[in-house]
């Protein structure tokens, strides 16, 4: 499981400023329920000084999302809105004494909610800079501009890190090539060379501390935990192969060929990643056959 700081646990079990602010004159909505993370940030801003008098949040997401939202509201209360806009996702993570790399996207969501709320207060239409044709990750609706900005702001250099910070590439992995192209562009500007074989933190092996046999058994156990949800909809999942960070599964029954298959794979991937405590990718068994045919 993830190694959470005591402060993250504190803000999860006893979140500050949960709920909507009475008399709020600024509202920021980001994320979506279908993607598994959504945040509404409400602010009460003094019209004369533009000081944030109060802040509240409503979050649908994991413990890190709740803790990040709680931390954000604590940081910005009493700030002028222009100063608040300078708060970065790293500031939120630092306030919590750090977040697991795989959960940094929760702090990014908080930063965007703040930008949306300030735009709402000023009577502006906040957009996430999405441009027609620039959508990179369809599973989590992450566009090229957000990926590029996050890479720059956090000095990222691997696809794994981009997934940790934005969730892009955490579903079907079809967008990894697009993410790599953006990484190459930004890293070239930094005078660096993109290495597609690099792993975040230079960790080349699974970080769970399990032997291969123990890891296989743990994966099977985790699949058993989510199997009832799939069977309820007349579907199922079967483990086919484990190759390092790549876990290949076969969707069975109603899950096979379902229009929501990529979303289902994304949910399975998140559950396995959290259960194993390491970065993994869950891919359909067809991908294994394709790679074998190409000699990958």
Protein backbone atom coordinates (compact mmCIF):
# COMPACT_ATOMS: atom_id res chain seq x y z
CA UNK A 1 0.00 0.00 0.00
CA UNK A 2 1.00 3.67 -0.31
CA UNK A 3 3.23 5.19 2.35
CA UNK A 4 1.14 8.13 3.60
CA UNK A 5 2.54 10.81 5.91
CA UNK A 6 0.90 11.39 9.26
CA UNK A 7 -0.36 14.74 7.99
CA UNK A 8 -2.08 13.12 5.01
CA UNK A 9 -3.80 10.70 7.38
CA UNK A 10 -4.77 13.58 9.67
CA UNK A 11 -6.41 15.56 6.85
CA UNK A 12 -8.15 12.44 5.55
CA UNK A 13 -9.63 11.26 8.84
CA UNK A 14 -10.39 14.80 10.06
CA UNK A 15 -10.61 17.02 6.95
CA UNK A 16 -10.77 20.77 7.42
CA UNK A 17 -13.41 22.89 5.72
CA UNK A 18 -15.41 19.99 4.27
CA UNK A 19 -18.67 21.06 2.69
CA UNK A 20 -19.89 24.11 0.81
CA UNK A 21 -19.25 27.61 2.16
CA UNK A 22 -22.31 29.61 3.13
CA UNK A 23 -22.58 32.75 1.04
CA UNK A 24 -19.89 31.61 -1.38
CA UNK A 25 -19.27 33.96 -4.29
CA UNK A 26 -16.74 31.75 -6.10
CA UNK A 27 -17.18 28.14 -7.21
CA UNK A 28 -14.70 25.92 -9.04
CA UNK A 29 -15.56 22.47 -10.42
CA UNK A 30 -12.93 20.11 -11.86
CA UNK A 31 -12.71 16.41 -12.64
CA UNK A 32 -15.62 14.07 -13.25
CA UNK A 33 -17.30 11.22 -11.44
CA UNK A 34 -16.73 8.93 -14.42
CA UNK A 35 -12.97 9.43 -14.07
CA UNK A 36 -13.06 8.61 -10.36
CA UNK A 37 -12.06 12.08 -9.11
CA UNK A 38 -14.15 15.23 -8.83
CA UNK A 39 -13.72 18.37 -6.73
CA UNK A 40 -15.91 21.40 -6.06
CA UNK A 41 -14.15 24.29 -4.32
CA UNK A 42 -16.26 27.13 -2.89
CA UNK A 43 -14.82 30.43 -1.69
CA UNK A 44 -16.14 33.48 0.11
CA UNK A 45 -14.11 36.44 -1.16
CA UNK A 46 -14.23 39.95 0.26
CA UNK A 47 -15.13 42.19 -2.73
CA UNK A 48 -13.03 45.13 -1.52
CA UNK A 49 -9.74 43.47 -0.56
CA UNK A 50 -10.27 40.29 -2.62
CA UNK A 51 -9.18 38.33 0.43
CA UNK A 52 -10.40 34.74 0.74
CA UNK A 53 -12.44 34.85 3.95
CA UNK A 54 -13.51 31.21 3.86
CA UNK A 55 -13.02 28.12 1.71
CA UNK A 56 -14.73 24.76 1.56
CA UNK A 57 -14.57 21.64 -0.57
CA UNK A 58 -16.67 18.71 -1.69
CA UNK A 59 -14.58 15.86 -3.07
CA UNK A 60 -15.38 12.54 -4.70
CA UNK A 61 -12.17 10.55 -4.72
CA UNK A 62 -9.56 8.72 -2.69
CA UNK A 63 -8.02 9.63 0.66
CA UNK A 64 -5.28 11.66 -1.03
CA UNK A 65 -7.87 13.71 -2.90
CA UNK A 66 -9.68 14.50 0.34
CA UNK A 67 -6.44 15.35 2.15
CA UNK A 68 -5.21 17.53 -0.74
CA UNK A 69 -8.50 19.42 -0.85
CA UNK A 70 -8.44 19.93 2.92
CA UNK A 71 -4.84 21.19 2.75
CA UNK A 72 -5.63 23.58 -0.10
CA UNK A 73 -8.46 25.26 1.81
CA UNK A 74 -6.22 25.71 4.84
CA UNK A 75 -3.42 27.21 2.74
CA UNK A 76 -5.51 29.78 0.88
CA UNK A 77 -7.77 31.08 3.67
CA UNK A 78 -6.72 34.65 4.46
CA UNK A 79 -4.85 35.03 1.15
CA UNK A 80 -5.52 37.60 -1.54
CA UNK A 81 -6.81 35.73 -4.60
CA UNK A 82 -3.83 36.79 -6.73
CA UNK A 83 -1.47 35.35 -4.10
CA UNK A 84 -3.61 32.22 -3.87
CA UNK A 85 -3.22 31.67 -7.61
CA UNK A 86 0.51 31.29 -7.05
CA UNK A 87 -0.08 28.18 -4.88
CA UNK A 88 1.25 25.19 -6.81
CA UNK A 89 0.38 21.54 -6.59
CA UNK A 90 3.82 21.00 -5.03
CA UNK A 91 2.92 23.52 -2.30
CA UNK A 92 -0.12 21.39 -1.48
CA UNK A 93 1.97 18.21 -1.37
CA UNK A 94 4.63 19.91 0.78
CA UNK A 95 1.95 21.11 3.22
CA UNK A 96 0.99 17.45 3.68
CA UNK A 97 4.63 16.43 4.20
CA UNK A 98 4.56 14.78 0.81
CA UNK A 99 2.24 12.58 -1.23
CA UNK A 100 2.98 9.17 -2.76
CA UNK A 101 4.14 9.75 -6.37
CA UNK A 102 1.13 7.82 -7.64
CA UNK A 103 -1.20 10.31 -5.90
CA UNK A 104 0.30 13.61 -7.05
CA UNK A 105 -2.60 14.08 -9.48
CA UNK A 106 -4.77 14.84 -6.44
CA UNK A 107 -2.74 17.97 -5.71
CA UNK A 108 -2.91 18.99 -9.38
CA UNK A 109 -6.70 18.74 -9.25
CA UNK A 110 -6.76 21.09 -6.26
CA UNK A 111 -4.69 23.70 -8.08
CA UNK A 112 -7.04 23.59 -11.06
CA UNK A 113 -10.13 23.89 -8.83
CA UNK A 114 -8.64 27.07 -7.35
CA UNK A 115 -8.04 28.52 -10.82
CA UNK A 116 -11.63 27.68 -11.79
CA UNK A 117 -13.04 29.28 -8.62
CA UNK A 118 -11.11 32.52 -9.10
CA UNK A 119 -12.25 32.71 -12.72
CA UNK A 120 -15.83 32.21 -11.55
CA UNK A 121 -15.45 35.01 -9.00
CA UNK A 122 -14.17 37.37 -11.69
CA UNK A 123 -17.01 36.52 -14.04
CA UNK A 124 -14.70 34.76 -16.45
CA UNK A 125 -15.24 31.42 -18.15
CA UNK A 126 -12.51 29.09 -16.93
CA UNK A 127 -11.30 26.56 -19.46
CA UNK A 128 -8.68 23.88 -18.97
CA UNK A 129 -6.92 24.97 -22.18
CA UNK A 130 -8.34 21.99 -24.05
CA UNK A 131 -8.19 22.55 -27.75
CA UNK A 132 -10.03 20.64 -30.44
CA UNK A 133 -7.94 17.65 -31.41
CA UNK A 134 -5.53 18.07 -28.46
CA UNK A 135 -7.08 15.42 -26.22
CA UNK A 136 -4.32 12.95 -25.42
CA UNK A 137 -5.84 10.60 -22.83
CA UNK A 138 -9.43 9.70 -23.68
CA UNK A 139 -9.86 7.49 -20.61
CA UNK A 140 -9.40 10.41 -18.21
CA UNK A 141 -9.99 13.35 -20.59
CA UNK A 142 -6.51 14.86 -20.18
CA UNK A 143 -5.36 17.25 -22.89
CA UNK A 144 -1.92 18.03 -24.27
CA UNK A 145 -1.72 21.46 -22.66
CA UNK A 146 -2.30 20.12 -19.16
CA UNK A 147 0.29 17.38 -19.67
CA UNK A 148 2.85 19.85 -21.01
CA UNK A 149 2.24 22.36 -18.19
CA UNK A 150 2.49 19.63 -15.55
CA UNK A 151 5.74 18.30 -17.02
CA UNK A 152 7.22 21.80 -16.95
CA UNK A 153 5.98 22.70 -13.47
CA UNK A 154 7.17 19.47 -11.85
CA UNK A 155 10.25 18.65 -13.96
CA UNK A 156 8.86 15.28 -15.06
CA UNK A 157 10.79 12.96 -17.37
CA UNK A 158 8.90 9.64 -17.63
CA UNK A 159 5.47 8.45 -18.72
CA UNK A 160 5.04 6.94 -15.26
CA UNK A 161 5.52 10.34 -13.63
CA UNK A 162 3.03 11.95 -16.03
CA UNK A 163 0.49 9.28 -15.08
CA UNK A 164 1.13 9.89 -11.37
CA UNK A 165 0.58 13.63 -11.73
CA UNK A 166 -2.28 13.73 -14.26
CA UNK A 167 -3.73 10.16 -14.50
CA UNK A 168 -3.10 10.35 -18.27
CA UNK A 169 -2.02 6.93 -19.50
CA UNK A 170 -3.40 5.18 -16.45
CA UNK A 171 -6.23 3.47 -18.32
CA UNK A 172 -5.83 1.65 -21.62
CA UNK A 173 -2.28 3.06 -22.19
CA UNK A 174 -3.10 3.88 -25.84
CA UNK A 175 -1.97 7.46 -25.25
CA UNK A 176 1.57 6.60 -24.10
CA UNK A 177 3.01 7.48 -27.50
CA UNK A 178 1.39 10.92 -27.35
CA UNK A 179 2.73 11.47 -23.83
CA UNK A 180 6.21 10.46 -24.97
CA UNK A 181 6.08 13.02 -27.79
CA UNK A 182 5.27 15.79 -25.31
CA UNK A 183 8.03 14.60 -22.98
CA UNK A 184 10.53 14.64 -25.84
CA UNK A 185 9.54 18.21 -26.75
CA UNK A 186 9.77 19.61 -23.22
CA UNK A 187 12.91 17.69 -22.28
CA UNK A 188 14.61 18.82 -25.48
CA UNK A 189 13.90 22.42 -24.44
CA UNK A 190 15.53 21.63 -21.07
CA UNK A 191 18.58 20.26 -22.87
CA UNK A 192 17.73 16.69 -21.85
CA UNK A 193 17.14 13.53 -23.85
CA UNK A 194 14.00 11.51 -23.30
CA UNK A 195 14.70 7.89 -22.36
CA UNK A 196 11.64 5.66 -22.97
CA UNK A 197 13.19 2.92 -20.81
CA UNK A 198 13.65 5.15 -17.76
CA UNK A 199 11.53 4.49 -14.70
CA UNK A 200 10.50 7.16 -12.22
CA UNK A 201 12.98 7.41 -9.39
CA UNK A 202 15.31 5.01 -11.24
CA UNK A 203 13.42 2.07 -9.75
CA UNK A 204 13.81 -0.75 -12.24
CA UNK A 205 12.12 -3.51 -10.27
CA UNK A 206 8.71 -3.84 -8.61
CA UNK A 207 8.69 -1.92 -5.33
CA UNK A 208 6.29 -4.16 -3.44
CA UNK A 209 9.07 -6.27 -1.90
CA UNK A 210 7.31 -9.49 -2.97
CA UNK A 211 8.85 -12.45 -4.74
CA UNK A 212 7.45 -13.22 -8.20
CA UNK A 213 5.32 -16.03 -6.79
CA UNK A 214 4.01 -13.87 -3.95
CA UNK A 215 3.29 -11.06 -6.39
CA UNK A 216 1.30 -13.36 -8.70
CA UNK A 217 -0.70 -14.60 -5.73
CA UNK A 218 -1.35 -11.04 -4.56
CA UNK A 219 -2.57 -10.04 -8.02
CA UNK A 220 -4.98 -12.98 -8.03
CA UNK A 221 -6.24 -11.95 -4.58
CA UNK A 222 -6.82 -8.38 -5.74
CA UNK A 223 -8.72 -9.57 -8.81
CA UNK A 224 -10.90 -11.70 -6.55
CA UNK A 225 -11.81 -8.55 -4.60
CA UNK A 226 -13.23 -6.79 -7.65
CA UNK A 227 -14.61 -9.87 -9.42
CA UNK A 228 -18.05 -9.68 -7.67
CA UNK A 229 -18.62 -6.21 -9.13
CA UNK A 230 -17.95 -7.50 -12.64
CA UNK A 231 -20.04 -10.63 -12.14
CA UNK A 232 -22.94 -8.49 -10.99
CA UNK A 233 -23.04 -7.13 -14.54
CA UNK A 234 -22.56 -10.62 -16.02
CA UNK A 235 -18.89 -10.09 -16.73
CA UNK A 236 -15.58 -11.30 -15.32
CA UNK A 237 -11.82 -10.97 -15.63
CA UNK A 238 -9.08 -13.57 -15.95
CA UNK A 239 -5.36 -13.11 -15.34
CA UNK A 240 -3.40 -14.15 -18.43
CA UNK A 241 0.22 -13.06 -17.94
CA UNK A 242 2.43 -10.91 -15.73
CA UNK A 243 5.52 -9.38 -17.34
CA UNK A 244 7.17 -6.96 -14.92
CA UNK A 245 4.96 -3.89 -14.64
CA UNK A 246 2.67 -5.18 -17.42
CA UNK A 247 -0.31 -7.26 -16.29
CA UNK A 248 -2.38 -8.84 -19.06
CA UNK A 249 -5.99 -9.81 -18.42
CA UNK A 250 -8.83 -11.27 -20.44
CA UNK A 251 -12.29 -9.73 -20.13
CA UNK A 252 -15.02 -12.36 -20.05
CA UNK A 253 -18.78 -12.36 -20.58
CA UNK A 254 -20.48 -9.00 -20.80
CA UNK A 255 -17.15 -7.27 -20.17
CA UNK A 256 -15.73 -8.61 -23.45
CA UNK A 257 -16.23 -6.01 -26.15
CA UNK A 258 -18.12 -3.69 -23.79
CA UNK A 259 -17.99 0.01 -24.73
CA UNK A 260 -16.81 0.74 -21.17
CA UNK A 261 -14.00 -1.83 -21.36
CA UNK A 262 -11.22 0.78 -21.20
CA UNK A 263 -12.82 2.36 -18.13
CA UNK A 264 -13.13 -1.06 -16.52
CA UNK A 265 -9.45 -1.78 -17.23
CA UNK A 266 -8.57 1.58 -15.71
CA UNK A 267 -10.48 0.69 -12.54
CA UNK A 268 -8.79 -2.71 -12.37
CA UNK A 269 -5.40 -1.07 -12.87
CA UNK A 270 -5.98 1.43 -10.06
CA UNK A 271 -7.10 -1.32 -7.67
CA UNK A 272 -4.07 -3.49 -8.48
CA UNK A 273 -1.64 -0.57 -8.26
CA UNK A 274 -2.93 0.41 -4.84
CA UNK A 275 -2.93 -3.17 -3.63
CA UNK A 276 0.60 -3.84 -4.86
CA UNK A 277 1.99 -0.44 -3.94
CA UNK A 278 3.76 -0.05 -7.28
CA UNK A 279 3.24 1.40 -10.74
CA UNK A 280 1.74 -1.18 -13.10
CA UNK A 281 -0.19 -1.22 -16.35
CA UNK A 282 -3.15 -3.50 -16.95
CA UNK A 283 -3.53 -4.41 -20.61
CA UNK A 284 -6.00 -6.60 -22.51
CA UNK A 285 -4.80 -10.07 -23.50
CA UNK A 286 -5.07 -9.03 -27.15
CA UNK A 287 -2.20 -6.60 -26.58
CA UNK A 288 0.01 -9.49 -25.43
CA UNK A 289 -0.73 -11.36 -28.64
CA UNK A 290 -0.07 -8.24 -30.72
CA UNK A 291 3.29 -7.62 -29.06
CA UNK A 292 4.27 -11.24 -29.50
CA UNK A 293 3.43 -11.03 -33.21
CA UNK A 294 5.58 -7.92 -33.54
CA UNK A 295 8.41 -9.53 -31.61
CA UNK A 296 8.13 -6.96 -28.79
